[in-house]
Amino acid sequence: MPRPERLKTATALALLFAAAIACNLSAPPGGTQTFKSPDGKFQITAPGDWRALGQLKEGEAMKVGTDAGGGMAVVAFIKSKADLVDGITLDRYTEEGRKSQIADSNTLGATDSEPLTVGGRGARQYEVKRTQGGDKLTCLVTVIETAEDFQRITACAHPSKYDEYKATLKQISESFRAAR
């Protein structure tokens, strides 16, 4: 191949490569992004327009959501089984957490938990209605059991938007897993 043809071919390939990289760097509208916990142990997948939210409080592994106007947030908590009584089951851990929430004066009500599988692991899911800082929230709580810990993912939205956002909150909650 003559030298000018090689240069054209190399230039065309370089431009194609640069375009492919640019497409992968910007999430398409409606795309997703993966967030990792600060320690790199866990990840969650959320819509492309979500972001990490503020400083983590004690017990929180990660916190993501929309801006204040969007009104959705997901917070993941991890509880090591080493810190719990021996032999605690997923059902018992979930029910004790649910009853604790019901006893909180900010809780307006909770549904019974339902069994499901998340990432091949046993899980339970229920809804809680509560007040927080003057706002009402409806939250989908998903508890996942691994060999080492219990993972509680709490996904909340304002009641007026909860039914609209529930499928998204469920999908995000159920994407939570150990990072790869």
C-alpha atoms as a PDB file:
ATOM      1  CA  MET A   1       0.000   0.000   0.000  1.00  0.00           C
ATOM      2  CA  PRO A   2       1.472   3.431  -0.914  1.00  0.00           C
ATOM      3  CA  ARG A   3       2.382   5.728   1.937  1.00  0.00           C
ATOM      4  CA  PRO A   4      -0.481   8.297   1.473  1.00  0.00           C
ATOM      5  CA  GLU A   5      -3.074   5.475   1.514  1.00  0.00           C
ATOM      6  CA  ARG A   6      -1.647   4.127   4.794  1.00  0.00           C
ATOM      7  CA  LEU A   7      -1.845   7.614   6.287  1.00  0.00           C
ATOM      8  CA  LYS A   8      -5.494   7.989   5.196  1.00  0.00           C
ATOM      9  CA  THR A   9      -6.346   4.545   6.568  1.00  0.00           C
ATOM     10  CA  ALA A  10      -4.551   5.236   9.871  1.00  0.00           C
ATOM     11  CA  THR A  11      -6.243   8.647  10.170  1.00  0.00           C
ATOM     12  CA  ALA A  12      -9.682   7.156   9.454  1.00  0.00           C
ATOM     13  CA  LEU A  13      -9.130   4.401  12.057  1.00  0.00           C
ATOM     14  CA  ALA A  14      -7.910   6.949  14.623  1.00  0.00           C
ATOM     15  CA  LEU A  15     -11.009   9.113  14.060  1.00  0.00           C
ATOM     16  CA  LEU A  16     -13.276   6.068  14.320  1.00  0.00           C
ATOM     17  CA  PHE A  17     -11.538   5.003  17.537  1.00  0.00           C
ATOM     18  CA  ALA A  18     -11.839   8.529  19.009  1.00  0.00           C
ATOM     19  CA  ALA A  19     -15.546   8.653  18.111  1.00  0.00           C
ATOM     20  CA  ALA A  20     -16.139   5.261  19.743  1.00  0.00           C
ATOM     21  CA  ILE A  21     -14.399   6.386  22.934  1.00  0.00           C
ATOM     22  CA  ALA A  22     -16.394   9.629  23.009  1.00  0.00           C
ATOM     23  CA  CYS A  23     -19.654   7.693  22.671  1.00  0.00           C
ATOM     24  CA  ASN A  24     -18.733   5.424  25.580  1.00  0.00           C
ATOM     25  CA  LEU A  25     -17.720   8.309  27.852  1.00  0.00           C
ATOM     26  CA  SER A  26     -21.025  10.128  27.667  1.00  0.00           C
ATOM     27  CA  ALA A  27     -24.018   8.173  28.889  1.00  0.00           C
ATOM     28  CA  PRO A  28     -26.867   8.261  26.382  1.00  0.00           C
ATOM     29  CA  PRO A  29     -30.135   9.776  27.540  1.00  0.00           C
ATOM     30  CA  GLY A  30     -31.834   7.146  29.635  1.00  0.00           C
ATOM     31  CA  GLY A  31     -28.513   5.341  30.113  1.00  0.00           C
ATOM     32  CA  THR A  32     -27.208   3.984  33.388  1.00  0.00           C
ATOM     33  CA  GLN A  33     -24.105   4.349  35.480  1.00  0.00           C
ATOM     34  CA  THR A  34     -22.555   2.209  38.163  1.00  0.00           C
ATOM     35  CA  PHE A  35     -21.652   3.660  41.553  1.00  0.00           C
ATOM     36  CA  LYS A  36     -19.162   1.952  43.872  1.00  0.00           C
ATOM     37  CA  SER A  37     -18.955   2.253  47.639  1.00  0.00           C
ATOM     38  CA  PRO A  38     -15.959   4.259  48.917  1.00  0.00           C
ATOM     39  CA  ASP A  39     -14.246   1.026  50.036  1.00  0.00           C
ATOM     40  CA  GLY A  40     -14.819  -0.479  46.564  1.00  0.00           C
ATOM     41  CA  LYS A  41     -16.656  -3.527  47.956  1.00  0.00           C
ATOM     42  CA  PHE A  42     -20.179  -2.839  46.654  1.00  0.00           C
ATOM     43  CA  GLN A  43     -21.825  -1.370  43.581  1.00  0.00           C
ATOM     44  CA  ILE A  44     -25.240  -0.236  42.457  1.00  0.00           C
ATOM     45  CA  THR A  45     -26.537   0.701  39.016  1.00  0.00           C
ATOM     46  CA  ALA A  46     -28.727   3.792  38.646  1.00  0.00           C
ATOM     47  CA  PRO A  47     -29.974   6.054  35.846  1.00  0.00           C
ATOM     48  CA  GLY A  48     -27.334   8.155  34.102  1.00  0.00           C
ATOM     49  CA  ASP A  49     -28.585  11.421  35.622  1.00  0.00           C
ATOM     50  CA  TRP A  50     -28.212  10.215  39.241  1.00  0.00           C
ATOM     51  CA  ARG A  51     -25.246  11.158  41.449  1.00  0.00           C
ATOM     52  CA  ALA A  52     -23.610  10.228  44.735  1.00  0.00           C
ATOM     53  CA  LEU A  53     -25.306  12.088  47.604  1.00  0.00           C
ATOM     54  CA  GLY A  54     -23.447  13.809  50.436  1.00  0.00           C
ATOM     55  CA  GLN A  55     -21.355  12.365  53.209  1.00  0.00           C
ATOM     56  CA  LEU A  56     -22.148   8.857  54.370  1.00  0.00           C
ATOM     57  CA  LYS A  57     -23.468   8.432  57.896  1.00  0.00           C
ATOM     58  CA  GLU A  58     -22.416   5.599  60.174  1.00  0.00           C
ATOM     59  CA  GLY A  59     -23.560   2.259  58.767  1.00  0.00           C
ATOM     60  CA  GLU A  60     -24.175   3.572  55.244  1.00  0.00           C
ATOM     61  CA  ALA A  61     -22.216   1.878  52.461  1.00  0.00           C
ATOM     62  CA  MET A  62     -23.420   4.198  49.703  1.00  0.00           C
ATOM     63  CA  LYS A  63     -26.043   6.812  48.931  1.00  0.00           C
ATOM     64  CA  VAL A  64     -27.203   7.872  45.447  1.00  0.00           C
ATOM     65  CA  GLY A  65     -30.115   9.861  44.090  1.00  0.00           C
ATOM     66  CA  THR A  66     -31.500  12.627  41.967  1.00  0.00           C
ATOM     67  CA  ASP A  67     -31.202  16.301  42.696  1.00  0.00           C
ATOM     68  CA  ALA A  68     -33.538  17.757  45.316  1.00  0.00           C
ATOM     69  CA  GLY A  69     -36.243  18.444  42.712  1.00  0.00           C
ATOM     70  CA  GLY A  70     -36.271  14.828  41.496  1.00  0.00           C
ATOM     71  CA  GLY A  71     -37.056  13.488  44.920  1.00  0.00           C
ATOM     72  CA  MET A  72     -35.556   9.987  44.741  1.00  0.00           C
ATOM     73  CA  ALA A  73     -32.747   8.493  46.812  1.00  0.00           C
ATOM     74  CA  VAL A  74     -31.318   5.046  47.516  1.00  0.00           C
ATOM     75  CA  VAL A  75     -29.221   4.285  50.580  1.00  0.00           C
ATOM     76  CA  ALA A  76     -27.430   0.971  51.176  1.00  0.00           C
ATOM     77  CA  PHE A  77     -26.580  -0.280  54.658  1.00  0.00           C
ATOM     78  CA  ILE A  78     -24.368  -3.300  55.397  1.00  0.00           C
ATOM     79  CA  LYS A  79     -24.531  -5.283  58.659  1.00  0.00           C
ATOM     80  CA  SER A  80     -21.875  -7.936  59.186  1.00  0.00           C
ATOM     81  CA  LYS A  81     -23.204 -11.248  60.475  1.00  0.00           C
ATOM     82  CA  ALA A  82     -20.176 -11.328  62.796  1.00  0.00           C
ATOM     83  CA  ASP A  83     -21.830  -8.468  64.721  1.00  0.00           C
ATOM     84  CA  LEU A  84     -25.153 -10.301  65.118  1.00  0.00           C
ATOM     85  CA  VAL A  85     -26.316 -13.218  67.232  1.00  0.00           C
ATOM     86  CA  ASP A  86     -25.314 -16.580  65.813  1.00  0.00           C
ATOM     87  CA  GLY A  87     -27.821 -18.206  63.506  1.00  0.00           C
ATOM     88  CA  ILE A  88     -29.909 -15.116  62.728  1.00  0.00           C
ATOM     89  CA  THR A  89     -32.003 -15.772  59.632  1.00  0.00           C
ATOM     90  CA  LEU A  90     -32.982 -13.467  56.795  1.00  0.00           C
ATOM     91  CA  ASP A  91     -36.603 -13.542  57.960  1.00  0.00           C
ATOM     92  CA  ARG A  92     -35.712 -12.685  61.555  1.00  0.00           C
ATOM     93  CA  TYR A  93     -33.289  -9.898  60.572  1.00  0.00           C
ATOM     94  CA  THR A  94     -35.848  -8.410  58.164  1.00  0.00           C
ATOM     95  CA  GLU A  95     -38.723  -8.624  60.644  1.00  0.00           C
ATOM     96  CA  GLU A  96     -36.718  -7.109  63.515  1.00  0.00           C
ATOM     97  CA  GLY A  97     -35.753  -4.189  61.249  1.00  0.00           C
ATOM     98  CA  ARG A  98     -39.328  -3.764  60.041  1.00  0.00           C
ATOM     99  CA  LYS A  99     -40.713  -3.801  63.605  1.00  0.00           C
ATOM    100  CA  SER A 100     -38.073  -1.288  64.666  1.00  0.00           C
ATOM    101  CA  GLN A 101     -39.166   1.019  61.853  1.00  0.00           C
ATOM    102  CA  ILE A 102     -42.842   0.610  62.781  1.00  0.00           C
ATOM    103  CA  ALA A 103     -42.031   1.529  66.394  1.00  0.00           C
ATOM    104  CA  ASP A 104     -40.329   4.752  65.234  1.00  0.00           C
ATOM    105  CA  SER A 105     -42.651   7.717  65.736  1.00  0.00           C
ATOM    106  CA  ASN A 106     -41.795   8.951  62.213  1.00  0.00           C
ATOM    107  CA  THR A 107     -43.208   5.801  60.600  1.00  0.00           C
ATOM    108  CA  LEU A 108     -46.755   6.033  59.298  1.00  0.00           C
ATOM    109  CA  GLY A 109     -47.080   2.368  58.283  1.00  0.00           C
ATOM    110  CA  ALA A 110     -45.394  -0.634  56.692  1.00  0.00           C
ATOM    111  CA  THR A 111     -46.419  -3.586  54.540  1.00  0.00           C
ATOM    112  CA  ASP A 112     -45.529  -7.202  55.283  1.00  0.00           C
ATOM    113  CA  SER A 113     -42.269  -8.394  53.729  1.00  0.00           C
ATOM    114  CA  GLU A 114     -42.345 -10.541  50.615  1.00  0.00           C
ATOM    115  CA  PRO A 115     -39.699 -13.076  49.573  1.00  0.00           C
ATOM    116  CA  LEU A 116     -37.708 -12.612  46.366  1.00  0.00           C
ATOM    117  CA  THR A 117     -34.305 -13.457  44.897  1.00  0.00           C
ATOM    118  CA  VAL A 118     -31.758 -10.747  44.099  1.00  0.00           C
ATOM    119  CA  GLY A 119     -28.635 -11.710  42.207  1.00  0.00           C
ATOM    120  CA  GLY A 120     -29.218 -15.360  43.068  1.00  0.00           C
ATOM    121  CA  ARG A 121     -29.459 -14.589  46.797  1.00  0.00           C
ATOM    122  CA  GLY A 122     -32.376 -14.771  49.178  1.00  0.00           C
ATOM    123  CA  ALA A 123     -34.013 -11.404  49.847  1.00  0.00           C
ATOM    124  CA  ARG A 124     -37.088  -9.801  51.397  1.00  0.00           C
ATOM    125  CA  GLN A 125     -38.859  -6.605  50.346  1.00  0.00           C
ATOM    126  CA  TYR A 126     -41.456  -4.338  51.962  1.00  0.00           C
ATOM    127  CA  GLU A 127     -42.677  -0.730  51.867  1.00  0.00           C
ATOM    128  CA  VAL A 128     -42.556   1.855  54.632  1.00  0.00           C
ATOM    129  CA  LYS A 129     -44.340   5.214  54.779  1.00  0.00           C
ATOM    130  CA  ARG A 130     -42.612   7.756  57.001  1.00  0.00           C
ATOM    131  CA  THR A 131     -41.871  11.388  57.659  1.00  0.00           C
ATOM    132  CA  GLN A 132     -38.375  12.819  57.572  1.00  0.00           C
ATOM    133  CA  GLY A 133     -37.403  16.422  58.058  1.00  0.00           C
ATOM    134  CA  GLY A 134     -40.956  17.664  57.425  1.00  0.00           C
ATOM    135  CA  ASP A 135     -41.378  15.593  54.251  1.00  0.00           C
ATOM    136  CA  LYS A 136     -43.440  12.457  53.748  1.00  0.00           C
ATOM    137  CA  LEU A 137     -41.630   9.573  52.052  1.00  0.00           C
ATOM    138  CA  THR A 138     -42.589   6.159  50.776  1.00  0.00           C
ATOM    139  CA  CYS A 139     -39.669   3.736  50.790  1.00  0.00           C
ATOM    140  CA  LEU A 140     -39.066   0.343  49.254  1.00  0.00           C
ATOM    141  CA  VAL A 141     -36.821  -1.642  51.606  1.00  0.00           C
ATOM    142  CA  THR A 142     -34.911  -4.619  50.187  1.00  0.00           C
ATOM    143  CA  VAL A 143     -32.904  -6.891  52.518  1.00  0.00           C
ATOM    144  CA  ILE A 144     -30.421  -9.242  50.858  1.00  0.00           C
ATOM    145  CA  GLU A 145     -28.521 -12.013  52.645  1.00  0.00           C
ATOM    146  CA  THR A 146     -24.967 -13.057  51.745  1.00  0.00           C
ATOM    147  CA  ALA A 147     -22.692 -15.494  53.571  1.00  0.00           C
ATOM    148  CA  GLU A 148     -20.976 -12.578  55.366  1.00  0.00           C
ATOM    149  CA  ASP A 149     -23.643  -9.930  55.848  1.00  0.00           C
ATOM    150  CA  PHE A 150     -27.128  -8.523  55.441  1.00  0.00           C
ATOM    151  CA  GLN A 151     -27.523  -5.702  52.929  1.00  0.00           C
ATOM    152  CA  ARG A 152     -30.468  -3.335  53.419  1.00  0.00           C
ATOM    153  CA  ILE A 153     -31.229  -1.061  50.495  1.00  0.00           C
ATOM    154  CA  THR A 154     -33.751   1.676  51.220  1.00  0.00           C
ATOM    155  CA  ALA A 155     -35.129   3.428  48.116  1.00  0.00           C
ATOM    156  CA  CYS A 156     -37.392   6.435  48.759  1.00  0.00           C
ATOM    157  CA  ALA A 157     -39.531   8.929  46.880  1.00  0.00           C
ATOM    158  CA  HIS A 158     -42.238  11.425  47.763  1.00  0.00           C
ATOM    159  CA  PRO A 159     -45.676   9.742  47.973  1.00  0.00           C
ATOM    160  CA  SER A 160     -47.051  11.788  45.059  1.00  0.00           C
ATOM    161  CA  LYS A 161     -44.379  10.295  42.757  1.00  0.00           C
ATOM    162  CA  TYR A 162     -43.787   6.886  44.378  1.00  0.00           C
ATOM    163  CA  ASP A 163     -46.062   4.856  42.083  1.00  0.00           C
ATOM    164  CA  GLU A 164     -44.436   6.482  39.044  1.00  0.00           C
ATOM    165  CA  TYR A 165     -40.892   5.835  40.357  1.00  0.00           C
ATOM    166  CA  LYS A 166     -41.438   2.446  42.043  1.00  0.00           C
ATOM    167  CA  ALA A 167     -40.213   0.329  39.117  1.00  0.00           C
ATOM    168  CA  THR A 168     -37.016   2.396  38.887  1.00  0.00           C
ATOM    169  CA  LEU A 169     -36.446   2.224  42.650  1.00  0.00           C
ATOM    170  CA  LYS A 170     -37.000  -1.544  42.579  1.00  0.00           C
ATOM    171  CA  GLN A 171     -34.594  -2.010  39.679  1.00  0.00           C
ATOM    172  CA  ILE A 172     -31.884   0.088  41.361  1.00  0.00           C
ATOM    173  CA  SER A 173     -32.329  -1.700  44.716  1.00  0.00           C
ATOM    174  CA  GLU A 174     -32.102  -5.107  43.093  1.00  0.00           C
ATOM    175  CA  SER A 175     -28.919  -4.120  41.198  1.00  0.00           C
ATOM    176  CA  PHE A 176     -26.969  -3.835  44.489  1.00  0.00           C
ATOM    177  CA  ARG A 177     -24.137  -6.386  44.726  1.00  0.00           C
ATOM    178  CA  ALA A 178     -20.499  -6.992  45.551  1.00  0.00           C
ATOM    179  CA  ALA A 179     -18.283  -4.976  43.183  1.00  0.00           C
ATOM    180  CA  ARG A 180     -16.487  -6.795  40.435  1.00  0.00           C
END
